N, C-alpha and C. Protein backbone atom coordinates (compact mmCIF):
# COMPACT_ATOMS: atom_id res chain seq x y z
N MET A 1 -49.96 20.61 -36.39
CA MET A 1 -50.34 20.65 -36.09
C MET A 1 -49.74 20.89 -35.09
N ILE A 2 -50.47 20.42 -33.00
CA ILE A 2 -49.61 20.30 -32.68
C ILE A 2 -49.10 19.16 -31.37
N ARG A 3 -47.39 18.89 -30.93
CA ARG A 3 -47.70 17.86 -29.99
C ARG A 3 -47.22 18.18 -29.02
N PRO A 4 -46.91 17.66 -27.30
CA PRO A 4 -46.09 17.74 -26.73
C PRO A 4 -45.25 16.87 -26.94
N THR A 5 -43.27 17.36 -26.79
CA THR A 5 -42.77 16.94 -26.59
C THR A 5 -42.05 16.33 -25.32
N GLU A 6 -41.46 17.25 -25.04
CA GLU A 6 -41.21 17.39 -23.66
C GLU A 6 -42.55 17.90 -22.32
N GLN A 7 -41.69 17.76 -21.06
CA GLN A 7 -42.47 18.96 -20.13
C GLN A 7 -42.65 20.29 -20.37
N GLY A 8 -44.08 20.70 -20.83
CA GLY A 8 -43.69 22.04 -20.74
C GLY A 8 -43.87 22.66 -22.02
N VAL A 9 -43.61 22.44 -22.84
CA VAL A 9 -42.89 22.63 -24.45
C VAL A 9 -43.83 21.58 -26.08
N LEU A 10 -44.77 22.90 -27.00
CA LEU A 10 -45.88 22.28 -27.43
C LEU A 10 -45.03 22.29 -28.48
N ALA A 11 -44.63 21.46 -29.69
CA ALA A 11 -44.50 21.27 -31.42
C ALA A 11 -45.51 21.72 -31.77
N VAL A 12 -45.18 22.98 -32.49
CA VAL A 12 -46.37 23.10 -33.47
C VAL A 12 -45.69 23.50 -35.17
N HIS A 13 -46.59 21.95 -35.81
CA HIS A 13 -45.60 21.81 -37.08
C HIS A 13 -46.99 22.56 -38.14
N LEU A 14 -45.67 22.97 -38.81
CA LEU A 14 -47.27 24.07 -39.70
C LEU A 14 -46.56 24.05 -41.07
N GLY A 15 -46.08 22.81 -41.33
CA GLY A 15 -45.89 22.70 -43.41
C GLY A 15 -45.28 23.44 -44.04
N PHE A 16 -45.68 23.74 -45.07
CA PHE A 16 -44.48 24.53 -46.39
C PHE A 16 -45.05 25.59 -46.41
N LEU A 17 -44.42 26.46 -45.96
CA LEU A 17 -44.46 28.39 -46.31
C LEU A 17 -43.59 28.89 -47.61
N GLN A 18 -44.30 29.71 -48.09
CA GLN A 18 -43.22 30.65 -48.66
C GLN A 18 -42.10 31.07 -48.03
N VAL A 19 -41.24 31.76 -48.67
CA VAL A 19 -39.94 32.19 -48.11
C VAL A 19 -40.93 34.06 -48.27
N GLY A 20 -39.62 34.58 -47.49
CA GLY A 20 -41.04 36.67 -47.55
C GLY A 20 -41.84 36.56 -47.40
N HIS A 21 -42.58 35.61 -47.11
CA HIS A 21 -43.99 35.62 -46.05
C HIS A 21 -44.56 36.05 -44.97
N ARG A 22 -46.00 37.34 -44.79
CA ARG A 22 -46.04 36.64 -42.95
C ARG A 22 -47.07 36.08 -42.70
N TYR A 23 -47.24 35.22 -42.58
CA TYR A 23 -49.01 33.93 -41.88
C TYR A 23 -49.95 34.48 -41.01
N SER A 24 -50.67 34.24 -40.02
CA SER A 24 -51.25 34.58 -39.25
C SER A 24 -52.29 33.21 -38.60
N ILE A 25 -51.55 32.47 -37.61
CA ILE A 25 -52.05 31.83 -37.69
C ILE A 25 -52.91 31.26 -36.06
N ASN A 26 -53.87 30.91 -36.69
CA ASN A 26 -54.57 30.71 -35.54
C ASN A 26 -54.67 28.99 -34.74
N LEU A 27 -54.79 29.60 -33.19
CA LEU A 27 -54.51 27.55 -32.88
C LEU A 27 -54.91 27.68 -31.23
N GLU A 28 -55.68 26.82 -31.31
CA GLU A 28 -56.61 26.72 -30.05
C GLU A 28 -55.34 25.28 -28.94
N ILE A 29 -54.89 25.36 -27.81
CA ILE A 29 -54.60 24.62 -27.82
C ILE A 29 -55.54 24.30 -26.17
N PRO A 30 -55.67 22.52 -26.48
CA PRO A 30 -56.52 22.59 -25.28
C PRO A 30 -55.69 22.57 -24.15
N ARG A 31 -56.90 22.67 -22.82
CA ARG A 31 -56.30 23.35 -21.75
C ARG A 31 -55.80 21.91 -21.39
N SER A 32 -55.55 20.85 -21.83
CA SER A 32 -54.97 19.39 -21.37
C SER A 32 -53.08 18.98 -21.45
N LEU A 33 -52.86 20.22 -22.41
CA LEU A 33 -51.46 20.28 -22.95
C LEU A 33 -50.89 21.62 -22.52
N CYS A 34 -51.65 22.51 -21.50
CA CYS A 34 -51.65 23.95 -21.31
C CYS A 34 -50.30 23.52 -20.24
N SER A 35 -49.91 24.67 -18.97
CA SER A 35 -49.34 24.70 -17.88
C SER A 35 -50.25 25.07 -17.02
N PRO A 36 -50.07 24.81 -15.66
CA PRO A 36 -51.15 24.46 -15.15
C PRO A 36 -51.38 26.49 -14.14
N CYS A 37 -50.44 27.34 -14.72
CA CYS A 37 -50.67 27.98 -14.30
C CYS A 37 -51.58 28.89 -14.84
N PHE A 38 -52.17 28.72 -16.33
CA PHE A 38 -53.52 28.98 -17.01
C PHE A 38 -54.58 28.30 -17.09
N LEU A 39 -55.18 26.80 -15.97
CA LEU A 39 -55.47 26.32 -15.63
C LEU A 39 -56.51 27.27 -15.13
N GLN A 40 -55.94 28.22 -13.79
CA GLN A 40 -56.20 29.27 -13.20
C GLN A 40 -57.13 30.25 -13.39
N ASN A 41 -58.60 30.32 -13.25
CA ASN A 41 -59.81 31.04 -13.41
C ASN A 41 -59.51 33.25 -13.22
N GLY A 42 -59.66 33.87 -14.23
CA GLY A 42 -59.25 34.97 -14.28
C GLY A 42 -58.20 34.81 -14.53
N LEU A 43 -57.06 34.25 -14.92
CA LEU A 43 -55.76 34.73 -15.62
C LEU A 43 -55.74 34.96 -16.67
N SER A 44 -54.56 36.12 -17.14
CA SER A 44 -54.83 36.85 -18.50
C SER A 44 -53.19 35.88 -19.25
N PRO A 45 -53.51 34.60 -19.99
CA PRO A 45 -51.71 34.21 -20.15
C PRO A 45 -50.79 35.49 -20.73
N THR A 46 -49.75 35.75 -20.20
CA THR A 46 -49.36 36.87 -21.35
C THR A 46 -47.09 35.85 -22.59
N CYS A 47 -47.52 36.95 -23.38
CA CYS A 47 -46.46 35.97 -23.60
C CYS A 47 -44.41 36.94 -23.10
N ASP A 48 -43.92 36.15 -22.95
CA ASP A 48 -42.30 36.16 -22.33
C ASP A 48 -41.70 37.29 -22.53
N THR A 49 -41.77 38.57 -23.06
CA THR A 49 -40.92 39.64 -23.80
C THR A 49 -39.59 39.23 -23.02
N SER A 50 -39.08 39.32 -22.75
CA SER A 50 -37.91 39.51 -22.17
C SER A 50 -36.96 38.44 -23.84
N LEU A 51 -37.67 37.43 -24.24
CA LEU A 51 -37.68 36.94 -25.53
C LEU A 51 -38.32 36.76 -26.97
N THR A 52 -38.83 38.42 -27.05
CA THR A 52 -39.16 38.53 -27.44
C THR A 52 -38.10 38.83 -29.44
N ASN A 53 -39.28 37.38 -30.58
CA ASN A 53 -38.86 37.55 -31.42
C ASN A 53 -40.09 38.22 -32.57
N PRO A 54 -38.91 39.23 -33.38
CA PRO A 54 -39.02 39.96 -34.38
C PRO A 54 -40.19 38.66 -35.54
N ASN A 55 -39.67 37.69 -35.59
CA ASN A 55 -40.66 36.91 -36.86
C ASN A 55 -41.32 35.65 -36.50
N CYS A 56 -42.35 35.12 -35.23
CA CYS A 56 -42.56 34.64 -34.79
C CYS A 56 -42.84 35.75 -33.61
N HIS A 57 -44.61 36.30 -33.29
CA HIS A 57 -44.73 36.68 -32.18
C HIS A 57 -46.79 36.58 -32.16
N VAL A 58 -46.80 36.67 -30.52
CA VAL A 58 -48.38 36.63 -30.42
C VAL A 58 -49.20 37.53 -31.03
N VAL A 59 -50.77 37.97 -31.48
CA VAL A 59 -50.84 39.18 -32.42
C VAL A 59 -52.23 39.13 -31.09
N GLN A 60 -52.59 37.59 -30.92
CA GLN A 60 -53.83 37.98 -29.82
C GLN A 60 -53.78 36.68 -29.42
N MET A 61 -54.63 36.58 -27.74
CA MET A 61 -54.62 35.65 -26.90
C MET A 61 -55.88 35.82 -26.21
N GLY A 62 -56.10 34.65 -25.27
CA GLY A 62 -57.21 34.68 -25.18
C GLY A 62 -57.74 33.18 -24.52
N LEU A 63 -58.25 32.92 -23.21
CA LEU A 63 -58.41 32.13 -22.50
C LEU A 63 -60.33 31.84 -22.77
N THR A 64 -60.71 29.99 -23.49
CA THR A 64 -61.75 30.05 -22.72
C THR A 64 -61.98 28.02 -21.97
N ASP A 65 -63.52 27.94 -21.70
CA ASP A 65 -63.62 26.45 -20.91
C ASP A 65 -62.82 25.50 -21.17
N ASP A 66 -62.64 25.13 -22.69
CA ASP A 66 -61.85 24.51 -23.52
C ASP A 66 -61.03 24.35 -23.92
N CYS A 67 -59.84 25.94 -23.88
CA CYS A 67 -58.92 25.20 -24.97
C CYS A 67 -58.41 26.94 -24.59
N LEU A 68 -56.71 27.53 -24.74
CA LEU A 68 -56.22 28.65 -25.05
C LEU A 68 -55.76 29.25 -26.75
N GLN A 69 -56.66 30.22 -26.99
CA GLN A 69 -57.07 30.89 -28.42
C GLN A 69 -55.98 31.39 -28.89
N LEU A 70 -55.02 31.59 -29.68
CA LEU A 70 -53.74 31.63 -29.67
C LEU A 70 -53.71 32.93 -30.60
N THR A 71 -53.46 33.97 -31.10
CA THR A 71 -53.27 34.19 -33.30
C THR A 71 -52.00 34.82 -33.24
N VAL A 72 -51.10 34.10 -33.70
CA VAL A 72 -49.11 34.06 -34.10
C VAL A 72 -49.07 34.61 -35.89
N GLU A 73 -48.26 35.92 -35.82
CA GLU A 73 -47.73 36.32 -36.89
C GLU A 73 -46.52 35.41 -37.17
N PHE A 74 -45.90 34.69 -38.49
CA PHE A 74 -45.11 33.86 -38.15
C PHE A 74 -44.64 34.58 -40.00
N PHE A 75 -43.01 35.04 -39.34
CA PHE A 75 -42.47 35.39 -40.49
C PHE A 75 -41.27 34.35 -41.28
N ALA A 76 -41.82 34.08 -43.25
CA ALA A 76 -41.23 33.31 -43.27
C ALA A 76 -39.42 33.70 -43.33
N TYR A 77 -38.76 34.01 -42.76
CA TYR A 77 -37.72 35.07 -43.23
C TYR A 77 -36.45 34.11 -44.43
N LYS A 78 -36.26 33.45 -43.68
CA LYS A 78 -35.13 32.52 -44.86
C LYS A 78 -35.81 30.76 -45.44
N GLU A 79 -34.89 30.09 -46.53
CA GLU A 79 -35.81 29.03 -46.92
C GLU A 79 -34.73 28.15 -46.56
N LYS A 80 -35.09 26.36 -46.42
CA LYS A 80 -35.09 24.71 -45.66
C LYS A 80 -35.90 26.07 -44.55
N LEU A 81 -36.05 24.85 -43.62
CA LEU A 81 -35.79 25.07 -42.35
C LEU A 81 -35.97 25.74 -40.86
N MET A 82 -36.92 26.39 -40.66
CA MET A 82 -37.13 27.24 -39.73
C MET A 82 -37.39 26.74 -38.21
N LYS A 83 -36.62 27.12 -36.94
CA LYS A 83 -37.71 26.00 -35.65
C LYS A 83 -37.55 28.08 -34.40
N GLU A 84 -38.46 28.27 -35.16
CA GLU A 84 -38.58 29.99 -33.73
C GLU A 84 -39.83 29.09 -33.11
N GLU A 85 -39.61 30.00 -32.17
CA GLU A 85 -39.62 29.49 -30.06
C GLU A 85 -40.08 31.02 -29.85
N LEU A 86 -41.29 30.75 -28.42
CA LEU A 86 -42.63 31.43 -28.30
C LEU A 86 -42.05 31.47 -26.60
N CYS A 87 -42.13 31.57 -25.58
CA CYS A 87 -42.15 31.45 -24.20
C CYS A 87 -43.91 32.18 -23.63
N LEU A 88 -44.45 31.25 -22.94
CA LEU A 88 -45.90 31.59 -22.89
C LEU A 88 -46.25 31.58 -21.00
N LEU A 89 -46.95 32.68 -20.60
CA LEU A 89 -46.27 32.34 -19.12
C LEU A 89 -47.20 33.27 -18.74
N GLY A 90 -48.58 32.75 -17.66
CA GLY A 90 -49.73 33.14 -16.69
C GLY A 90 -48.89 34.28 -15.74
N ASN A 91 -50.29 35.15 -15.72
CA ASN A 91 -49.45 36.10 -14.59
C ASN A 91 -48.86 36.43 -13.15
N GLU A 92 -49.63 34.88 -12.67
CA GLU A 92 -48.79 34.42 -11.79
C GLU A 92 -47.86 33.93 -11.68
N CYS A 93 -47.55 32.77 -12.64
CA CYS A 93 -46.40 32.42 -12.78
C CYS A 93 -45.00 33.50 -13.43
N SER A 94 -45.23 35.03 -13.68
CA SER A 94 -44.02 35.15 -13.90
C SER A 94 -43.00 35.76 -13.52
N GLN A 95 -42.97 35.65 -12.13
CA GLN A 95 -42.32 35.05 -11.16
C GLN A 95 -40.58 35.37 -10.74
N ASP A 96 -41.59 33.44 -10.95
CA ASP A 96 -40.95 32.23 -11.13
C ASP A 96 -40.86 31.34 -12.72
N GLY A 97 -40.89 32.66 -14.12
CA GLY A 97 -40.44 31.62 -15.19
C GLY A 97 -41.34 30.20 -15.59
N ALA A 98 -42.43 29.81 -14.89
CA ALA A 98 -43.00 29.13 -15.17
C ALA A 98 -44.25 29.12 -16.14
N GLY A 99 -44.24 28.30 -16.98
CA GLY A 99 -45.22 28.75 -18.00
C GLY A 99 -44.98 27.22 -19.32
N PHE A 100 -45.50 27.62 -20.13
CA PHE A 100 -44.86 27.25 -21.28
C PHE A 100 -44.28 27.58 -22.94
N LYS A 101 -43.23 26.54 -23.18
CA LYS A 101 -42.74 27.08 -24.77
C LYS A 101 -43.91 26.36 -25.87
N LEU A 102 -43.55 27.29 -26.80
CA LEU A 102 -44.30 26.91 -28.75
C LEU A 102 -43.00 26.32 -29.32
N ILE A 103 -42.55 25.61 -29.62
CA ILE A 103 -41.85 25.52 -30.86
C ILE A 103 -42.46 25.19 -32.20
N PHE A 104 -42.01 26.11 -33.37
CA PHE A 104 -42.80 26.34 -34.56
C PHE A 104 -41.96 26.00 -35.34
N ASN A 105 -41.95 25.20 -35.77
CA ASN A 105 -41.20 24.02 -37.22
C ASN A 105 -42.11 24.76 -38.34
N ALA A 106 -41.17 24.70 -39.41
CA ALA A 106 -42.02 25.12 -40.95
C ALA A 106 -40.73 24.23 -42.11
N ARG A 107 -41.24 24.26 -43.10
CA ARG A 107 -40.28 23.68 -44.09
C ARG A 107 -40.44 25.07 -44.74
N VAL A 108 -39.01 25.50 -45.64
CA VAL A 108 -39.92 27.39 -46.11
C VAL A 108 -39.54 27.01 -47.48
N LEU A 109 -39.86 26.96 -48.63
CA LEU A 109 -39.69 26.88 -50.52
C LEU A 109 -38.96 28.41 -50.47
N GLY A 110 -38.31 28.73 -51.53
CA GLY A 110 -38.03 29.61 -52.22
C GLY A 110 -38.56 30.04 -53.08
N GLU A 111 -37.74 31.96 -53.56
CA GLU A 111 -39.35 32.26 -54.59
C GLU A 111 -39.27 31.08 -55.58
N CYS A 112 -40.50 31.18 -56.47
CA CYS A 112 -40.99 31.05 -57.10
C CYS A 112 -40.49 31.63 -58.51
N ILE A 113 -39.73 30.79 -59.37
CA ILE A 113 -39.44 31.94 -60.36
C ILE A 113 -39.33 31.19 -62.03
N GLY A 114 -40.39 32.37 -62.52
CA GLY A 114 -40.93 32.11 -63.54
C GLY A 114 -39.74 32.33 -64.89
N ILE A 115 -40.26 31.04 -65.73
CA ILE A 115 -40.19 30.98 -67.29
C ILE A 115 -41.08 30.77 -68.46
């Protein structure tokens, strides 16, 4: 589930995950929720490399007529609540820092113990 929380920030709710697992998440973000930098023709969006996050990173990104398509790898490294952030930029906006932020929220369950 993707919800706008404030200007330039989208909350992505992942639900229940299991600790120690890597997840491939495919997102389609409607153009109406994207920053204006992504709406210009010919731009290829990029991820802000100055804020690299090893637990949540973009694997693939593309822009269609209707939406921004992302494939994100998410690693559930700890139990309970996890909150990870990604900053996305358009090529022309990378100088002034304009873009938008994705905040991934997940509830991570512990390892199963067999009895």
